[in-house]
All heavy atoms as atom14 arrays in JSON, in Angstrom:
{
  "sequence": "TVDLQMDSLKPEDTAMYYCAAQGSGGYCYYPPRSADFKTWGQGTQVT",
  "atom14_mask": [
    [1, 1, 1, 1, 1, 1, 1, 0, 0, 0, 0, 0, 0, 0],
    [1, 1, 1, 1, 1, 1, 1, 0, 0, 0, 0, 0, 0, 0],
    [1, 1, 1, 1, 1, 1, 1, 1, 0, 0, 0, 0, 0, 0],
    [1, 1, 1, 1, 1, 1, 1, 1, 0, 0, 0, 0, 0, 0],
    [1, 1, 1, 1, 1, 1, 1, 1, 1, 0, 0, 0, 0, 0],
    [1, 1, 1, 1, 1, 1, 1, 1, 0, 0, 0, 0, 0, 0],
    [1, 1, 1, 1, 1, 1, 1, 1, 0, 0, 0, 0, 0, 0],
    [1, 1, 1, 1, 1, 1, 0, 0, 0, 0, 0, 0, 0, 0],
    [1, 1, 1, 1, 1, 1, 1, 1, 0, 0, 0, 0, 0, 0],
    [1, 1, 1, 1, 1, 1, 1, 1, 1, 0, 0, 0, 0, 0],
    [1, 1, 1, 1, 1, 1, 1, 0, 0, 0, 0, 0, 0, 0],
    [1, 1, 1, 1, 1, 1, 1, 1, 1, 0, 0, 0, 0, 0],
    [1, 1, 1, 1, 1, 1, 1, 1, 0, 0, 0, 0, 0, 0],
    [1, 1, 1, 1, 1, 1, 1, 0, 0, 0, 0, 0, 0, 0],
    [1, 1, 1, 1, 1, 0, 0, 0, 0, 0, 0, 0, 0, 0],
    [1, 1, 1, 1, 1, 1, 1, 1, 0, 0, 0, 0, 0, 0],
    [1, 1, 1, 1, 1, 1, 1, 1, 1, 1, 1, 1, 0, 0],
    [1, 1, 1, 1, 1, 1, 1, 1, 1, 1, 1, 1, 0, 0],
    [1, 1, 1, 1, 1, 1, 0, 0, 0, 0, 0, 0, 0, 0],
    [1, 1, 1, 1, 1, 0, 0, 0, 0, 0, 0, 0, 0, 0],
    [1, 1, 1, 1, 1, 0, 0, 0, 0, 0, 0, 0, 0, 0],
    [1, 1, 1, 1, 1, 1, 1, 1, 1, 0, 0, 0, 0, 0],
    [1, 1, 1, 1, 0, 0, 0, 0, 0, 0, 0, 0, 0, 0],
    [1, 1, 1, 1, 1, 1, 0, 0, 0, 0, 0, 0, 0, 0],
    [1, 1, 1, 1, 0, 0, 0, 0, 0, 0, 0, 0, 0, 0],
    [1, 1, 1, 1, 0, 0, 0, 0, 0, 0, 0, 0, 0, 0],
    [1, 1, 1, 1, 1, 1, 1, 1, 1, 1, 1, 1, 0, 0],
    [1, 1, 1, 1, 1, 1, 0, 0, 0, 0, 0, 0, 0, 0],
    [1, 1, 1, 1, 1, 1, 1, 1, 1, 1, 1, 1, 0, 0],
    [1, 1, 1, 1, 1, 1, 1, 1, 1, 1, 1, 1, 0, 0],
    [1, 1, 1, 1, 1, 1, 1, 0, 0, 0, 0, 0, 0, 0],
    [1, 1, 1, 1, 1, 1, 1, 0, 0, 0, 0, 0, 0, 0],
    [1, 1, 1, 1, 1, 1, 1, 1, 1, 1, 1, 0, 0, 0],
    [1, 1, 1, 1, 1, 1, 0, 0, 0, 0, 0, 0, 0, 0],
    [1, 1, 1, 1, 1, 0, 0, 0, 0, 0, 0, 0, 0, 0],
    [1, 1, 1, 1, 1, 1, 1, 1, 0, 0, 0, 0, 0, 0],
    [1, 1, 1, 1, 1, 1, 1, 1, 1, 1, 1, 0, 0, 0],
    [1, 1, 1, 1, 1, 1, 1, 1, 1, 0, 0, 0, 0, 0],
    [1, 1, 1, 1, 1, 1, 1, 0, 0, 0, 0, 0, 0, 0],
    [1, 1, 1, 1, 1, 1, 1, 1, 1, 1, 1, 1, 1, 1],
    [1, 1, 1, 1, 0, 0, 0, 0, 0, 0, 0, 0, 0, 0],
    [1, 1, 1, 1, 1, 1, 1, 1, 1, 0, 0, 0, 0, 0],
    [1, 1, 1, 1, 0, 0, 0, 0, 0, 0, 0, 0, 0, 0],
    [1, 1, 1, 1, 1, 1, 1, 0, 0, 0, 0, 0, 0, 0],
    [1, 1, 1, 1, 1, 1, 1, 1, 1, 0, 0, 0, 0, 0],
    [1, 1, 1, 1, 1, 1, 1, 0, 0, 0, 0, 0, 0, 0],
    [1, 1, 1, 1, 1, 1, 1, 0, 0, 0, 0, 0, 0, 0]
  ],
  "atom14_positions": [
    [[2.46, 68.95, 57.97], [2.86, 67.91, 58.91], [1.75, 66.89, 59.08], [0.57, 67.19, 58.91], [3.21, 68.48, 60.29], [2.09, 69.19, 60.82], [4.41, 69.4, 60.21], [0.0, 0.0, 0.0], [0.0, 0.0, 0.0], [0.0, 0.0, 0.0], [0.0, 0.0, 0.0], [0.0, 0.0, 0.0], [0.0, 0.0, 0.0], [0.0, 0.0, 0.0]],
    [[2.14, 65.68, 59.42], [1.21, 64.65, 59.85], [1.79, 64.05, 61.13], [2.92, 63.58, 61.16], [0.97, 63.59, 58.76], [2.27, 62.97, 58.28], [0.01, 62.53, 59.27], [0.0, 0.0, 0.0], [0.0, 0.0, 0.0], [0.0, 0.0, 0.0], [0.0, 0.0, 0.0], [0.0, 0.0, 0.0], [0.0, 0.0, 0.0], [0.0, 0.0, 0.0]],
    [[1.02, 64.12, 62.2], [1.49, 63.71, 63.51], [0.81, 62.42, 63.96], [-0.28, 62.07, 63.52], [1.2, 64.79, 64.55], [2.06, 66.02, 64.38], [2.89, 66.06, 63.45], [1.9, 66.97, 65.18], [0.0, 0.0, 0.0], [0.0, 0.0, 0.0], [0.0, 0.0, 0.0], [0.0, 0.0, 0.0], [0.0, 0.0, 0.0], [0.0, 0.0, 0.0]],
    [[1.49, 61.71, 64.84], [0.94, 60.51, 65.45], [1.09, 60.65, 66.96], [2.2, 60.56, 67.49], [1.66, 59.26, 64.95], [1.08, 57.93, 65.42], [-0.3, 57.7, 64.8], [2.01, 56.78, 65.09], [0.0, 0.0, 0.0], [0.0, 0.0, 0.0], [0.0, 0.0, 0.0], [0.0, 0.0, 0.0], [0.0, 0.0, 0.0], [0.0, 0.0, 0.0]],
    [[-0.02, 60.9, 67.63], [-0.04, 60.97, 69.08], [-0.23, 59.56, 69.61], [-1.2, 58.88, 69.28], [-1.18, 61.87, 69.57], [-1.34, 61.93, 71.08], [-0.17, 62.61, 71.75], [0.32, 63.62, 71.27], [0.26, 62.07, 72.87], [0.0, 0.0, 0.0], [0.0, 0.0, 0.0], [0.0, 0.0, 0.0], [0.0, 0.0, 0.0], [0.0, 0.0, 0.0]],
    [[0.7, 59.1, 70.44], [0.69, 57.74, 70.96], [0.55, 57.8, 72.47], [1.45, 58.29, 73.16], [1.95, 56.99, 70.56], [2.21, 57.0, 69.06], [3.63, 55.97, 68.58], [4.95, 56.86, 69.39], [0.0, 0.0, 0.0], [0.0, 0.0, 0.0], [0.0, 0.0, 0.0], [0.0, 0.0, 0.0], [0.0, 0.0, 0.0], [0.0, 0.0, 0.0]],
    [[-0.55, 57.3, 72.97], [-0.83, 57.26, 74.4], [-0.91, 55.82, 74.87], [-1.1, 54.9, 74.08], [-2.13, 58.0, 74.73], [-2.11, 59.46, 74.36], [-1.07, 60.11, 74.59], [-3.14, 59.97, 73.86], [0.0, 0.0, 0.0], [0.0, 0.0, 0.0], [0.0, 0.0, 0.0], [0.0, 0.0, 0.0], [0.0, 0.0, 0.0], [0.0, 0.0, 0.0]],
    [[-0.81, 55.64, 76.18], [-0.9, 54.31, 76.78], [0.01, 53.31, 76.08], [-0.39, 52.19, 75.74], [-2.35, 53.82, 76.76], [-3.2, 54.71, 77.45], [0.0, 0.0, 0.0], [0.0, 0.0, 0.0], [0.0, 0.0, 0.0], [0.0, 0.0, 0.0], [0.0, 0.0, 0.0], [0.0, 0.0, 0.0], [0.0, 0.0, 0.0], [0.0, 0.0, 0.0]],
    [[1.24, 53.71, 75.88], [2.18, 52.88, 75.12], [2.48, 51.57, 75.84], [2.55, 51.52, 77.06], [3.47, 53.65, 74.87], [3.37, 54.69, 73.75], [4.51, 55.7, 73.86], [3.39, 54.0, 72.39], [0.0, 0.0, 0.0], [0.0, 0.0, 0.0], [0.0, 0.0, 0.0], [0.0, 0.0, 0.0], [0.0, 0.0, 0.0], [0.0, 0.0, 0.0]],
    [[2.66, 50.53, 75.04], [2.94, 49.19, 75.52], [4.29, 48.73, 74.97], [4.72, 49.19, 73.93], [1.85, 48.22, 75.07], [0.45, 48.61, 75.46], [-0.57, 47.65, 74.85], [-1.98, 48.03, 75.23], [-2.98, 47.1, 74.62], [0.0, 0.0, 0.0], [0.0, 0.0, 0.0], [0.0, 0.0, 0.0], [0.0, 0.0, 0.0], [0.0, 0.0, 0.0]],
    [[4.94, 47.78, 75.65], [6.18, 47.24, 75.1], [6.03, 46.72, 73.68], [6.99, 46.8, 72.89], [6.54, 46.12, 76.08], [5.96, 46.58, 77.38], [4.67, 47.26, 77.01], [0.0, 0.0, 0.0], [0.0, 0.0, 0.0], [0.0, 0.0, 0.0], [0.0, 0.0, 0.0], [0.0, 0.0, 0.0], [0.0, 0.0, 0.0], [0.0, 0.0, 0.0]],
    [[4.87, 46.2, 73.33], [4.62, 45.7, 71.99], [4.65, 46.79, 70.93], [4.71, 46.48, 69.73], [3.26, 44.99, 71.92], [3.05, 43.94, 72.98], [2.34, 44.49, 74.2], [3.03, 45.01, 75.1], [1.1, 44.38, 74.26], [0.0, 0.0, 0.0], [0.0, 0.0, 0.0], [0.0, 0.0, 0.0], [0.0, 0.0, 0.0], [0.0, 0.0, 0.0]],
    [[4.6, 48.06, 71.34], [4.68, 49.17, 70.4], [6.12, 49.49, 70.0], [6.33, 50.33, 69.12], [4.04, 50.42, 70.99], [2.55, 50.25, 71.24], [1.86, 49.68, 70.38], [2.08, 50.7, 72.31], [0.0, 0.0, 0.0], [0.0, 0.0, 0.0], [0.0, 0.0, 0.0], [0.0, 0.0, 0.0], [0.0, 0.0, 0.0], [0.0, 0.0, 0.0]],
    [[7.08, 48.86, 70.64], [8.49, 49.11, 70.33], [8.78, 48.75, 68.88], [8.53, 47.62, 68.45], [9.4, 48.32, 71.26], [9.22, 48.77, 72.6], [10.86, 48.49, 70.87], [0.0, 0.0, 0.0], [0.0, 0.0, 0.0], [0.0, 0.0, 0.0], [0.0, 0.0, 0.0], [0.0, 0.0, 0.0], [0.0, 0.0, 0.0], [0.0, 0.0, 0.0]],
    [[9.29, 49.71, 68.12], [9.55, 49.51, 66.7], [10.18, 50.76, 66.12], [10.23, 51.81, 66.77], [8.25, 49.2, 65.95], [0.0, 0.0, 0.0], [0.0, 0.0, 0.0], [0.0, 0.0, 0.0], [0.0, 0.0, 0.0], [0.0, 0.0, 0.0], [0.0, 0.0, 0.0], [0.0, 0.0, 0.0], [0.0, 0.0, 0.0], [0.0, 0.0, 0.0]],
    [[10.66, 50.63, 64.9], [11.02, 51.79, 64.11], [9.76, 52.27, 63.41], [9.08, 51.47, 62.75], [12.11, 51.45, 63.1], [12.61, 52.65, 62.31], [13.66, 53.76, 63.29], [15.17, 52.78, 63.39], [0.0, 0.0, 0.0], [0.0, 0.0, 0.0], [0.0, 0.0, 0.0], [0.0, 0.0, 0.0], [0.0, 0.0, 0.0], [0.0, 0.0, 0.0]],
    [[9.46, 53.54, 63.55], [8.25, 54.11, 62.96], [8.62, 54.95, 61.75], [9.53, 55.78, 61.8], [7.51, 54.97, 63.99], [6.73, 54.15, 64.99], [7.39, 53.4, 65.96], [5.34, 54.11, 64.95], [6.68, 52.64, 66.87], [4.62, 53.35, 65.87], [5.3, 52.62, 66.82], [4.58, 51.86, 67.73], [0.0, 0.0, 0.0], [0.0, 0.0, 0.0]],
    [[7.88, 54.75, 60.67], [8.13, 55.43, 59.41], [6.91, 56.2, 58.95], [5.79, 55.69, 59.01], [8.5, 54.44, 58.31], [9.75, 53.64, 58.58], [9.69, 52.42, 59.24], [10.99, 54.11, 58.15], [10.84, 51.69, 59.47], [12.13, 53.37, 58.38], [12.05, 52.17, 59.04], [13.19, 51.44, 59.27], [0.0, 0.0, 0.0], [0.0, 0.0, 0.0]],
    [[7.13, 57.39, 58.47], [6.12, 58.16, 57.77], [6.26, 57.87, 56.28], [7.37, 57.73, 55.76], [6.32, 59.65, 58.06], [5.18, 60.76, 57.2], [0.0, 0.0, 0.0], [0.0, 0.0, 0.0], [0.0, 0.0, 0.0], [0.0, 0.0, 0.0], [0.0, 0.0, 0.0], [0.0, 0.0, 0.0], [0.0, 0.0, 0.0], [0.0, 0.0, 0.0]],
    [[5.14, 57.78, 55.59], [5.18, 57.47, 54.16], [4.03, 58.14, 53.42], [2.97, 58.41, 54.01], [5.12, 55.96, 53.95], [0.0, 0.0, 0.0], [0.0, 0.0, 0.0], [0.0, 0.0, 0.0], [0.0, 0.0, 0.0], [0.0, 0.0, 0.0], [0.0, 0.0, 0.0], [0.0, 0.0, 0.0], [0.0, 0.0, 0.0], [0.0, 0.0, 0.0]],
    [[4.26, 58.38, 52.14], [3.26, 58.99, 51.28], [2.94, 58.05, 50.13], [3.85, 57.5, 49.49], [3.74, 60.33, 50.74], [0.0, 0.0, 0.0], [0.0, 0.0, 0.0], [0.0, 0.0, 0.0], [0.0, 0.0, 0.0], [0.0, 0.0, 0.0], [0.0, 0.0, 0.0], [0.0, 0.0, 0.0], [0.0, 0.0, 0.0], [0.0, 0.0, 0.0]],
    [[1.68, 57.86, 49.86], [1.24, 57.04, 48.76], [1.67, 57.67, 47.44], [1.69, 58.89, 47.3], [-0.27, 56.87, 48.82], [-0.83, 55.77, 47.94], [-2.28, 55.49, 48.29], [-2.58, 54.66, 49.14], [-3.19, 56.2, 47.63], [0.0, 0.0, 0.0], [0.0, 0.0, 0.0], [0.0, 0.0, 0.0], [0.0, 0.0, 0.0], [0.0, 0.0, 0.0]],
    [[2.0, 56.84, 46.47], [2.53, 57.34, 45.22], [1.56, 58.16, 44.4], [1.95, 59.11, 43.72], [0.0, 0.0, 0.0], [0.0, 0.0, 0.0], [0.0, 0.0, 0.0], [0.0, 0.0, 0.0], [0.0, 0.0, 0.0], [0.0, 0.0, 0.0], [0.0, 0.0, 0.0], [0.0, 0.0, 0.0], [0.0, 0.0, 0.0], [0.0, 0.0, 0.0]],
    [[0.31, 57.81, 44.45], [-0.7, 58.53, 43.71], [-2.05, 58.32, 44.35], [-2.28, 57.32, 45.04], [-0.73, 58.1, 42.24], [-1.09, 56.73, 42.13], [0.0, 0.0, 0.0], [0.0, 0.0, 0.0], [0.0, 0.0, 0.0], [0.0, 0.0, 0.0], [0.0, 0.0, 0.0], [0.0, 0.0, 0.0], [0.0, 0.0, 0.0], [0.0, 0.0, 0.0]],
    [[-2.94, 59.24, 44.12], [-4.28, 59.14, 44.65], [-4.4, 59.69, 46.06], [-3.54, 59.44, 46.9], [0.0, 0.0, 0.0], [0.0, 0.0, 0.0], [0.0, 0.0, 0.0], [0.0, 0.0, 0.0], [0.0, 0.0, 0.0], [0.0, 0.0, 0.0], [0.0, 0.0, 0.0], [0.0, 0.0, 0.0], [0.0, 0.0, 0.0], [0.0, 0.0, 0.0]],
    [[-5.45, 60.41, 46.31], [-5.65, 60.99, 47.62], [-6.32, 60.07, 48.62], [-6.25, 60.32, 49.83], [0.0, 0.0, 0.0], [0.0, 0.0, 0.0], [0.0, 0.0, 0.0], [0.0, 0.0, 0.0], [0.0, 0.0, 0.0], [0.0, 0.0, 0.0], [0.0, 0.0, 0.0], [0.0, 0.0, 0.0], [0.0, 0.0, 0.0], [0.0, 0.0, 0.0]],
    [[-6.95, 59.02, 48.15], [-7.59, 58.05, 49.03], [-6.61, 56.96, 49.43], [-5.71, 56.6, 48.67], [-8.82, 57.44, 48.36], [-9.95, 58.41, 48.16], [-10.19, 58.96, 46.91], [-10.77, 58.76, 49.22], [-11.23, 59.85, 46.72], [-11.82, 59.65, 49.03], [-12.04, 60.19, 47.78], [-13.08, 61.07, 47.6], [0.0, 0.0, 0.0], [0.0, 0.0, 0.0]],
    [[-6.8, 56.41, 50.63], [-5.98, 55.32, 51.12], [-6.68, 53.98, 50.92], [-7.91, 53.91, 50.86], [-5.7, 55.49, 52.62], [-5.04, 57.08, 53.13], [0.0, 0.0, 0.0], [0.0, 0.0, 0.0], [0.0, 0.0, 0.0], [0.0, 0.0, 0.0], [0.0, 0.0, 0.0], [0.0, 0.0, 0.0], [0.0, 0.0, 0.0], [0.0, 0.0, 0.0]],
    [[-5.88, 52.93, 50.82], [-6.42, 51.59, 50.89], [-6.52, 51.18, 52.35], [-5.74, 51.61, 53.19], [-5.53, 50.61, 50.13], [-5.54, 50.79, 48.64], [-4.58, 51.56, 48.01], [-6.54, 50.19, 47.87], [-4.6, 51.73, 46.64], [-6.56, 50.37, 46.49], [-5.58, 51.14, 45.89], [-5.61, 51.31, 44.52], [0.0, 0.0, 0.0], [0.0, 0.0, 0.0]],
    [[-7.49, 50.32, 52.65], [-7.72, 49.89, 54.02], [-7.74, 48.37, 54.07], [-8.66, 47.75, 53.55], [-9.03, 50.46, 54.56], [-9.09, 51.96, 54.41], [-9.85, 52.55, 53.4], [-8.38, 52.79, 55.27], [-9.89, 53.93, 53.25], [-8.42, 54.17, 55.12], [-9.17, 54.73, 54.11], [-9.21, 56.1, 53.96], [0.0, 0.0, 0.0], [0.0, 0.0, 0.0]],
    [[-6.76, 47.76, 54.72], [-5.59, 48.37, 55.34], [-4.61, 48.89, 54.3], [-4.68, 48.5, 53.13], [-4.98, 47.22, 56.15], [-5.34, 46.01, 55.37], [-6.73, 46.28, 54.83], [0.0, 0.0, 0.0], [0.0, 0.0, 0.0], [0.0, 0.0, 0.0], [0.0, 0.0, 0.0], [0.0, 0.0, 0.0], [0.0, 0.0, 0.0], [0.0, 0.0, 0.0]],
    [[-3.7, 49.77, 54.7], [-2.74, 50.31, 53.74], [-1.8, 49.24, 53.23], [-1.46, 48.3, 53.94], [-1.98, 51.37, 54.55], [-2.1, 50.9, 55.96], [-3.47, 50.29, 56.06], [0.0, 0.0, 0.0], [0.0, 0.0, 0.0], [0.0, 0.0, 0.0], [0.0, 0.0, 0.0], [0.0, 0.0, 0.0], [0.0, 0.0, 0.0], [0.0, 0.0, 0.0]],
    [[-1.38, 49.4, 51.99], [-0.47, 48.47, 51.35], [0.88, 49.13, 51.2], [1.01, 50.14, 50.49], [-1.04, 48.03, 50.0], [-2.47, 47.48, 50.12], [-3.0, 46.93, 48.82], [-3.05, 47.91, 47.75], [-3.76, 47.78, 46.64], [-4.51, 46.69, 46.47], [-3.72, 48.72, 45.72], [0.0, 0.0, 0.0], [0.0, 0.0, 0.0], [0.0, 0.0, 0.0]],
    [[1.89, 48.58, 51.82], [3.21, 49.19, 51.86], [3.74, 49.5, 50.47], [4.36, 50.55, 50.25], [4.18, 48.28, 52.61], [5.47, 48.85, 52.68], [0.0, 0.0, 0.0], [0.0, 0.0, 0.0], [0.0, 0.0, 0.0], [0.0, 0.0, 0.0], [0.0, 0.0, 0.0], [0.0, 0.0, 0.0], [0.0, 0.0, 0.0], [0.0, 0.0, 0.0]],
    [[3.49, 48.61, 49.51], [4.03, 48.79, 48.17], [3.44, 50.0, 47.46], [4.01, 50.49, 46.49], [3.8, 47.53, 47.33], [0.0, 0.0, 0.0], [0.0, 0.0, 0.0], [0.0, 0.0, 0.0], [0.0, 0.0, 0.0], [0.0, 0.0, 0.0], [0.0, 0.0, 0.0], [0.0, 0.0, 0.0], [0.0, 0.0, 0.0], [0.0, 0.0, 0.0]],
    [[2.3, 50.49, 47.92], [1.67, 51.65, 47.3], [2.32, 52.96, 47.72], [2.08, 53.99, 47.09], [0.19, 51.7, 47.64], [-0.6, 50.57, 47.01], [-0.19, 50.06, 45.95], [-1.64, 50.19, 47.59], [0.0, 0.0, 0.0], [0.0, 0.0, 0.0], [0.0, 0.0, 0.0], [0.0, 0.0, 0.0], [0.0, 0.0, 0.0], [0.0, 0.0, 0.0]],
    [[3.11, 52.92, 48.78], [3.74, 54.13, 49.3], [5.12, 54.28, 48.7], [5.99, 53.42, 48.88], [3.79, 54.09, 50.83], [2.43, 54.25, 51.46], [1.53, 53.2, 51.48], [2.05, 55.46, 52.01], [0.28, 53.34, 52.04], [0.79, 55.62, 52.57], [-0.1, 54.55, 52.59], [0.0, 0.0, 0.0], [0.0, 0.0, 0.0], [0.0, 0.0, 0.0]],
    [[5.34, 55.37, 47.98], [6.56, 55.55, 47.19], [7.57, 56.48, 47.83], [8.73, 56.49, 47.42], [6.2, 56.07, 45.8], [5.21, 55.18, 45.04], [5.74, 53.76, 44.88], [4.76, 52.9, 44.1], [5.22, 51.49, 44.0], [0.0, 0.0, 0.0], [0.0, 0.0, 0.0], [0.0, 0.0, 0.0], [0.0, 0.0, 0.0], [0.0, 0.0, 0.0]],
    [[7.16, 57.26, 48.8], [8.06, 58.18, 49.48], [8.06, 57.86, 50.97], [7.0, 57.81, 51.59], [7.65, 59.64, 49.25], [7.6, 59.91, 47.85], [8.64, 60.59, 49.91], [0.0, 0.0, 0.0], [0.0, 0.0, 0.0], [0.0, 0.0, 0.0], [0.0, 0.0, 0.0], [0.0, 0.0, 0.0], [0.0, 0.0, 0.0], [0.0, 0.0, 0.0]],
    [[9.25, 57.66, 51.52], [9.4, 57.25, 52.91], [10.37, 58.14, 53.66], [11.37, 58.61, 53.09], [9.92, 55.8, 53.0], [8.95, 54.79, 52.48], [8.73, 54.46, 51.18], [8.08, 53.97, 53.26], [7.76, 53.48, 51.1], [7.35, 53.17, 52.36], [7.86, 53.83, 54.63], [6.41, 52.24, 52.79], [6.92, 52.91, 55.06], [6.21, 52.13, 54.15]],
    [[10.08, 58.35, 54.93], [11.02, 59.03, 55.79], [12.11, 58.09, 56.25], [12.11, 56.89, 55.93], [0.0, 0.0, 0.0], [0.0, 0.0, 0.0], [0.0, 0.0, 0.0], [0.0, 0.0, 0.0], [0.0, 0.0, 0.0], [0.0, 0.0, 0.0], [0.0, 0.0, 0.0], [0.0, 0.0, 0.0], [0.0, 0.0, 0.0], [0.0, 0.0, 0.0]],
    [[13.04, 58.61, 57.03], [14.19, 57.81, 57.48], [13.87, 56.93, 58.68], [14.63, 56.02, 58.99], [15.36, 58.74, 57.82], [15.3, 59.39, 59.2], [14.29, 60.52, 59.31], [13.63, 60.89, 58.34], [14.18, 61.09, 60.51], [0.0, 0.0, 0.0], [0.0, 0.0, 0.0], [0.0, 0.0, 0.0], [0.0, 0.0, 0.0], [0.0, 0.0, 0.0]],
    [[12.77, 57.2, 59.33], [12.36, 56.43, 60.49], [12.78, 57.07, 61.8], [13.77, 57.78, 61.88], [0.0, 0.0, 0.0], [0.0, 0.0, 0.0], [0.0, 0.0, 0.0], [0.0, 0.0, 0.0], [0.0, 0.0, 0.0], [0.0, 0.0, 0.0], [0.0, 0.0, 0.0], [0.0, 0.0, 0.0], [0.0, 0.0, 0.0], [0.0, 0.0, 0.0]],
    [[12.01, 56.81, 62.85], [12.34, 57.25, 64.18], [12.03, 56.12, 65.16], [10.97, 55.5, 65.08], [11.59, 58.55, 64.55], [12.05, 59.04, 65.82], [10.08, 58.34, 64.61], [0.0, 0.0, 0.0], [0.0, 0.0, 0.0], [0.0, 0.0, 0.0], [0.0, 0.0, 0.0], [0.0, 0.0, 0.0], [0.0, 0.0, 0.0], [0.0, 0.0, 0.0]],
    [[12.97, 55.84, 66.06], [12.85, 54.69, 66.94], [11.97, 55.0, 68.14], [12.13, 56.04, 68.79], [14.24, 54.24, 67.42], [14.22, 53.06, 68.38], [13.76, 51.77, 67.73], [14.1, 51.51, 66.57], [12.98, 50.97, 68.45], [0.0, 0.0, 0.0], [0.0, 0.0, 0.0], [0.0, 0.0, 0.0], [0.0, 0.0, 0.0], [0.0, 0.0, 0.0]],
    [[11.07, 54.08, 68.45], [10.24, 54.16, 69.64], [10.5, 52.91, 70.47], [10.36, 51.79, 69.98], [8.74, 54.26, 69.3], [7.88, 54.12, 70.56], [8.45, 55.57, 68.6], [0.0, 0.0, 0.0], [0.0, 0.0, 0.0], [0.0, 0.0, 0.0], [0.0, 0.0, 0.0], [0.0, 0.0, 0.0], [0.0, 0.0, 0.0], [0.0, 0.0, 0.0]],
    [[10.9, 53.1, 71.73], [11.19, 51.99, 72.62], [10.36, 52.16, 73.89], [10.43, 53.2, 74.56], [12.68, 51.93, 72.97], [13.45, 51.8, 71.77], [12.96, 50.74, 73.88], [0.0, 0.0, 0.0], [0.0, 0.0, 0.0], [0.0, 0.0, 0.0], [0.0, 0.0, 0.0], [0.0, 0.0, 0.0], [0.0, 0.0, 0.0], [0.0, 0.0, 0.0]]
  ]
}
């Protein structure tokens, strides 16, 4: 599992949140590049 603990939430945080896995390589780019992530979850809404 990979979890995201969100505290002190603001209205600006309202969005659909997606978990994703990079297609290859164990290191991440900073900032992450969406096109590099090849596997995506269905999303979960945060309001």
